[in-house]
Amino acid sequence: MATTEFANERDASRYTMRRDGVIVSALDYNDDGRTVAFTRAFTNSPFRGNGYAGELTAFAVDDAEKAGRTVIPMCWYVADWFDEHPEREHLIAR
């Protein structure tokens, strides 16, 4: 069974999702201390179509909420994710 790990790699300003140690998806961000702007979601081509970017986005949004941040969904994927999760829209920076 594959192991899945999520991480906030602050030094690289990105969240990552790894399966068996291999990065399958990444979410870049900029954090100004009040808001987190998610700028680019990416899943490596061999892993696309498995919902990994959605899992990683959920992890990142949860992490931002725990840190007391609001989110600026600059990436189209993250904006679509919020459209599909209206219960989380209170986290969007207005």
N, C-alpha and C. Protein backbone atom coordinates (compact mmCIF):
# COMPACT_ATOMS: atom_id res chain seq x y z
N MET A 1 0.84 -1.18 0.00
CA MET A 1 0.00 0.00 0.00
C MET A 1 0.88 1.24 0.00
N ALA A 2 0.53 2.20 -0.83
CA ALA A 2 1.32 3.43 -0.96
C ALA A 2 1.13 4.32 0.27
N THR A 3 2.22 4.97 0.67
CA THR A 3 2.13 5.94 1.76
C THR A 3 1.99 7.33 1.15
N THR A 4 1.14 8.14 1.76
CA THR A 4 0.91 9.50 1.30
C THR A 4 1.32 10.46 2.39
N GLU A 5 2.09 11.48 2.01
CA GLU A 5 2.54 12.49 2.96
C GLU A 5 2.25 13.86 2.39
N PHE A 6 1.72 14.74 3.24
CA PHE A 6 1.49 16.13 2.90
C PHE A 6 2.47 16.98 3.69
N ALA A 7 2.96 18.06 3.09
CA ALA A 7 3.90 18.93 3.79
C ALA A 7 3.75 20.37 3.33
N ASN A 8 4.01 21.28 4.26
CA ASN A 8 4.14 22.69 3.93
C ASN A 8 5.64 22.96 3.92
N GLU A 9 6.20 23.11 2.74
CA GLU A 9 7.63 23.37 2.59
C GLU A 9 7.82 24.89 2.55
N ARG A 10 7.87 25.48 3.74
CA ARG A 10 7.91 26.94 3.87
C ARG A 10 9.10 27.57 3.14
N ASP A 11 10.25 26.91 3.17
CA ASP A 11 11.43 27.47 2.50
C ASP A 11 11.24 27.56 0.99
N ALA A 12 10.37 26.74 0.43
CA ALA A 12 10.09 26.77 -1.01
C ALA A 12 8.74 27.42 -1.31
N SER A 13 8.02 27.85 -0.28
CA SER A 13 6.68 28.45 -0.42
C SER A 13 5.75 27.56 -1.25
N ARG A 14 5.69 26.29 -0.82
CA ARG A 14 4.80 25.36 -1.52
C ARG A 14 4.36 24.25 -0.58
N TYR A 15 3.18 23.75 -0.89
CA TYR A 15 2.69 22.53 -0.26
C TYR A 15 2.98 21.39 -1.22
N THR A 16 3.28 20.23 -0.68
CA THR A 16 3.51 19.08 -1.53
C THR A 16 2.73 17.88 -1.03
N MET A 17 2.42 17.02 -1.96
CA MET A 17 1.85 15.72 -1.67
C MET A 17 2.79 14.69 -2.28
N ARG A 18 3.26 13.78 -1.45
CA ARG A 18 4.17 12.72 -1.91
C ARG A 18 3.51 11.37 -1.71
N ARG A 19 3.73 10.50 -2.68
CA ARG A 19 3.31 9.10 -2.57
C ARG A 19 4.57 8.26 -2.69
N ASP A 20 4.82 7.49 -1.65
CA ASP A 20 6.04 6.68 -1.58
C ASP A 20 7.29 7.53 -1.83
N GLY A 21 7.28 8.75 -1.29
CA GLY A 21 8.43 9.64 -1.37
C GLY A 21 8.54 10.46 -2.64
N VAL A 22 7.67 10.23 -3.60
CA VAL A 22 7.71 10.94 -4.89
C VAL A 22 6.67 12.06 -4.87
N ILE A 23 7.08 13.28 -5.24
CA ILE A 23 6.13 14.38 -5.32
C ILE A 23 5.16 14.12 -6.47
N VAL A 24 3.88 14.05 -6.14
CA VAL A 24 2.86 13.86 -7.18
C VAL A 24 2.13 15.16 -7.47
N SER A 25 2.05 16.05 -6.47
CA SER A 25 1.34 17.31 -6.66
C SER A 25 1.98 18.39 -5.79
N ALA A 26 1.92 19.63 -6.27
CA ALA A 26 2.47 20.78 -5.53
C ALA A 26 1.52 21.96 -5.67
N LEU A 27 1.52 22.80 -4.65
CA LEU A 27 0.69 24.00 -4.63
C LEU A 27 1.56 25.15 -4.13
N ASP A 28 1.91 26.07 -5.03
CA ASP A 28 2.76 27.21 -4.68
C ASP A 28 1.92 28.29 -4.02
N TYR A 29 2.56 29.06 -3.14
CA TYR A 29 1.83 30.12 -2.44
C TYR A 29 2.74 31.28 -2.06
N ASN A 30 2.09 32.39 -1.72
CA ASN A 30 2.73 33.55 -1.11
C ASN A 30 1.97 33.86 0.16
N ASP A 31 2.67 33.98 1.28
CA ASP A 31 2.04 34.22 2.58
C ASP A 31 2.56 35.55 3.12
N ASP A 32 1.64 36.49 3.33
CA ASP A 32 2.05 37.80 3.85
C ASP A 32 1.79 37.95 5.35
N GLY A 33 1.42 36.85 6.00
CA GLY A 33 1.15 36.89 7.43
C GLY A 33 -0.32 37.07 7.77
N ARG A 34 -1.11 37.54 6.82
CA ARG A 34 -2.56 37.68 7.00
C ARG A 34 -3.31 36.81 6.02
N THR A 35 -2.81 36.77 4.79
CA THR A 35 -3.45 36.00 3.73
C THR A 35 -2.43 35.08 3.07
N VAL A 36 -2.95 34.01 2.49
CA VAL A 36 -2.13 33.10 1.71
C VAL A 36 -2.70 33.11 0.29
N ALA A 37 -1.87 33.52 -0.66
CA ALA A 37 -2.29 33.51 -2.06
C ALA A 37 -1.79 32.21 -2.68
N PHE A 38 -2.72 31.36 -3.08
CA PHE A 38 -2.36 30.12 -3.77
C PHE A 38 -2.21 30.46 -5.24
N THR A 39 -0.99 30.35 -5.74
CA THR A 39 -0.67 30.87 -7.07
C THR A 39 -0.62 29.83 -8.17
N ARG A 40 -0.33 28.56 -7.82
CA ARG A 40 -0.24 27.55 -8.87
C ARG A 40 -0.36 26.16 -8.27
N ALA A 41 -1.32 25.40 -8.79
CA ALA A 41 -1.45 23.99 -8.44
C ALA A 41 -0.97 23.17 -9.62
N PHE A 42 -0.25 22.10 -9.31
CA PHE A 42 0.32 21.29 -10.38
C PHE A 42 0.38 19.83 -9.93
N THR A 43 -0.01 18.94 -10.82
CA THR A 43 0.15 17.51 -10.59
C THR A 43 1.01 16.96 -11.72
N ASN A 44 2.05 16.22 -11.37
CA ASN A 44 2.93 15.64 -12.39
C ASN A 44 2.12 14.69 -13.29
N SER A 45 2.41 14.74 -14.58
CA SER A 45 1.57 14.08 -15.58
C SER A 45 1.28 12.60 -15.31
N PRO A 46 2.20 11.78 -14.84
CA PRO A 46 1.84 10.37 -14.62
C PRO A 46 0.77 10.18 -13.54
N PHE A 47 0.53 11.20 -12.72
CA PHE A 47 -0.38 11.08 -11.58
C PHE A 47 -1.69 11.84 -11.76
N ARG A 48 -1.87 12.51 -12.89
CA ARG A 48 -3.07 13.31 -13.12
C ARG A 48 -4.31 12.42 -13.21
N GLY A 49 -5.44 13.01 -12.84
CA GLY A 49 -6.70 12.31 -12.94
C GLY A 49 -7.06 11.46 -11.73
N ASN A 50 -6.29 11.58 -10.67
CA ASN A 50 -6.53 10.80 -9.45
C ASN A 50 -7.05 11.63 -8.29
N GLY A 51 -7.28 12.92 -8.50
CA GLY A 51 -7.79 13.78 -7.44
C GLY A 51 -6.74 14.28 -6.47
N TYR A 52 -5.46 14.10 -6.82
CA TYR A 52 -4.40 14.50 -5.89
C TYR A 52 -4.36 16.01 -5.65
N ALA A 53 -4.56 16.80 -6.68
CA ALA A 53 -4.54 18.26 -6.50
C ALA A 53 -5.65 18.70 -5.56
N GLY A 54 -6.79 18.06 -5.64
CA GLY A 54 -7.89 18.38 -4.74
C GLY A 54 -7.57 18.03 -3.30
N GLU A 55 -6.95 16.87 -3.09
CA GLU A 55 -6.54 16.47 -1.74
C GLU A 55 -5.51 17.45 -1.18
N LEU A 56 -4.57 17.85 -2.02
CA LEU A 56 -3.53 18.79 -1.58
C LEU A 56 -4.13 20.16 -1.28
N THR A 57 -5.05 20.60 -2.12
CA THR A 57 -5.70 21.89 -1.87
C THR A 57 -6.45 21.87 -0.56
N ALA A 58 -7.17 20.80 -0.28
CA ALA A 58 -7.89 20.68 0.99
C ALA A 58 -6.92 20.75 2.17
N PHE A 59 -5.78 20.06 2.06
CA PHE A 59 -4.77 20.10 3.11
C PHE A 59 -4.27 21.53 3.32
N ALA A 60 -3.97 22.23 2.21
CA ALA A 60 -3.42 23.59 2.29
C ALA A 60 -4.45 24.56 2.87
N VAL A 61 -5.69 24.43 2.46
CA VAL A 61 -6.75 25.31 3.00
C VAL A 61 -6.92 25.07 4.49
N ASP A 62 -6.91 23.80 4.90
CA ASP A 62 -6.99 23.49 6.33
C ASP A 62 -5.83 24.10 7.09
N ASP A 63 -4.63 24.02 6.52
CA ASP A 63 -3.44 24.57 7.16
C ASP A 63 -3.54 26.09 7.29
N ALA A 64 -4.01 26.74 6.24
CA ALA A 64 -4.19 28.20 6.28
C ALA A 64 -5.20 28.58 7.36
N GLU A 65 -6.28 27.83 7.43
CA GLU A 65 -7.30 28.12 8.45
C GLU A 65 -6.74 27.96 9.85
N LYS A 66 -6.00 26.90 10.09
CA LYS A 66 -5.39 26.67 11.41
C LYS A 66 -4.43 27.79 11.78
N ALA A 67 -3.77 28.39 10.78
CA ALA A 67 -2.83 29.48 11.02
C ALA A 67 -3.53 30.83 11.13
N GLY A 68 -4.86 30.86 10.98
CA GLY A 68 -5.60 32.11 11.09
C GLY A 68 -5.51 32.98 9.85
N ARG A 69 -5.21 32.38 8.71
CA ARG A 69 -5.07 33.12 7.45
C ARG A 69 -6.34 32.98 6.62
N THR A 70 -6.57 33.96 5.77
CA THR A 70 -7.56 33.83 4.72
C THR A 70 -6.82 33.52 3.43
N VAL A 71 -7.57 33.10 2.42
CA VAL A 71 -6.98 32.60 1.19
C VAL A 71 -7.34 33.47 0.00
N ILE A 72 -6.36 33.74 -0.85
CA ILE A 72 -6.59 34.38 -2.14
C ILE A 72 -6.37 33.31 -3.19
N PRO A 73 -7.45 32.83 -3.84
CA PRO A 73 -7.30 31.77 -4.84
C PRO A 73 -6.90 32.33 -6.20
N MET A 74 -5.63 32.60 -6.38
CA MET A 74 -5.14 33.18 -7.64
C MET A 74 -5.07 32.15 -8.76
N CYS A 75 -4.90 30.90 -8.42
CA CYS A 75 -4.83 29.81 -9.38
C CYS A 75 -6.25 29.37 -9.75
N TRP A 76 -6.50 29.14 -11.03
CA TRP A 76 -7.84 28.73 -11.47
C TRP A 76 -8.29 27.46 -10.78
N TYR A 77 -7.37 26.53 -10.53
CA TYR A 77 -7.75 25.27 -9.91
C TYR A 77 -8.26 25.50 -8.49
N VAL A 78 -7.57 26.33 -7.74
CA VAL A 78 -7.98 26.62 -6.36
C VAL A 78 -9.32 27.36 -6.37
N ALA A 79 -9.51 28.28 -7.30
CA ALA A 79 -10.80 28.98 -7.41
C ALA A 79 -11.92 27.98 -7.69
N ASP A 80 -11.69 27.03 -8.59
CA ASP A 80 -12.68 26.00 -8.88
C ASP A 80 -12.93 25.12 -7.65
N TRP A 81 -11.87 24.84 -6.89
CA TRP A 81 -12.01 24.02 -5.68
C TRP A 81 -12.96 24.71 -4.71
N PHE A 82 -12.78 26.02 -4.53
CA PHE A 82 -13.67 26.76 -3.63
C PHE A 82 -15.10 26.75 -4.17
N ASP A 83 -15.28 26.83 -5.48
CA ASP A 83 -16.63 26.74 -6.05
C ASP A 83 -17.28 25.41 -5.70
N GLU A 84 -16.49 24.35 -5.66
CA GLU A 84 -17.00 23.02 -5.34
C GLU A 84 -17.14 22.78 -3.83
N HIS A 85 -16.59 23.68 -3.03
CA HIS A 85 -16.65 23.56 -1.56
C HIS A 85 -17.16 24.87 -0.96
N PRO A 86 -18.42 25.22 -1.22
CA PRO A 86 -18.94 26.50 -0.73
C PRO A 86 -18.93 26.63 0.79
N GLU A 87 -18.87 25.50 1.49
CA GLU A 87 -18.80 25.55 2.95
C GLU A 87 -17.48 26.13 3.44
N ARG A 88 -16.49 26.27 2.55
CA ARG A 88 -15.19 26.82 2.92
C ARG A 88 -15.00 28.26 2.44
N GLU A 89 -16.01 28.82 1.77
CA GLU A 89 -15.84 30.16 1.18
C GLU A 89 -15.60 31.26 2.20
N HIS A 90 -15.92 31.01 3.46
CA HIS A 90 -15.64 32.02 4.50
C HIS A 90 -14.14 32.27 4.65
N LEU A 91 -13.31 31.39 4.10
CA LEU A 91 -11.85 31.56 4.17
C LEU A 91 -11.29 32.40 3.05
N ILE A 92 -12.11 32.75 2.06
CA ILE A 92 -11.62 33.55 0.95
C ILE A 92 -11.47 35.01 1.39
N ALA A 93 -10.32 35.58 1.13
CA ALA A 93 -10.07 36.99 1.47
C ALA A 93 -10.94 37.86 0.59
N ARG A 94 -11.61 38.81 1.18
CA ARG A 94 -12.50 39.71 0.42
C ARG A 94 -11.93 41.09 0.36
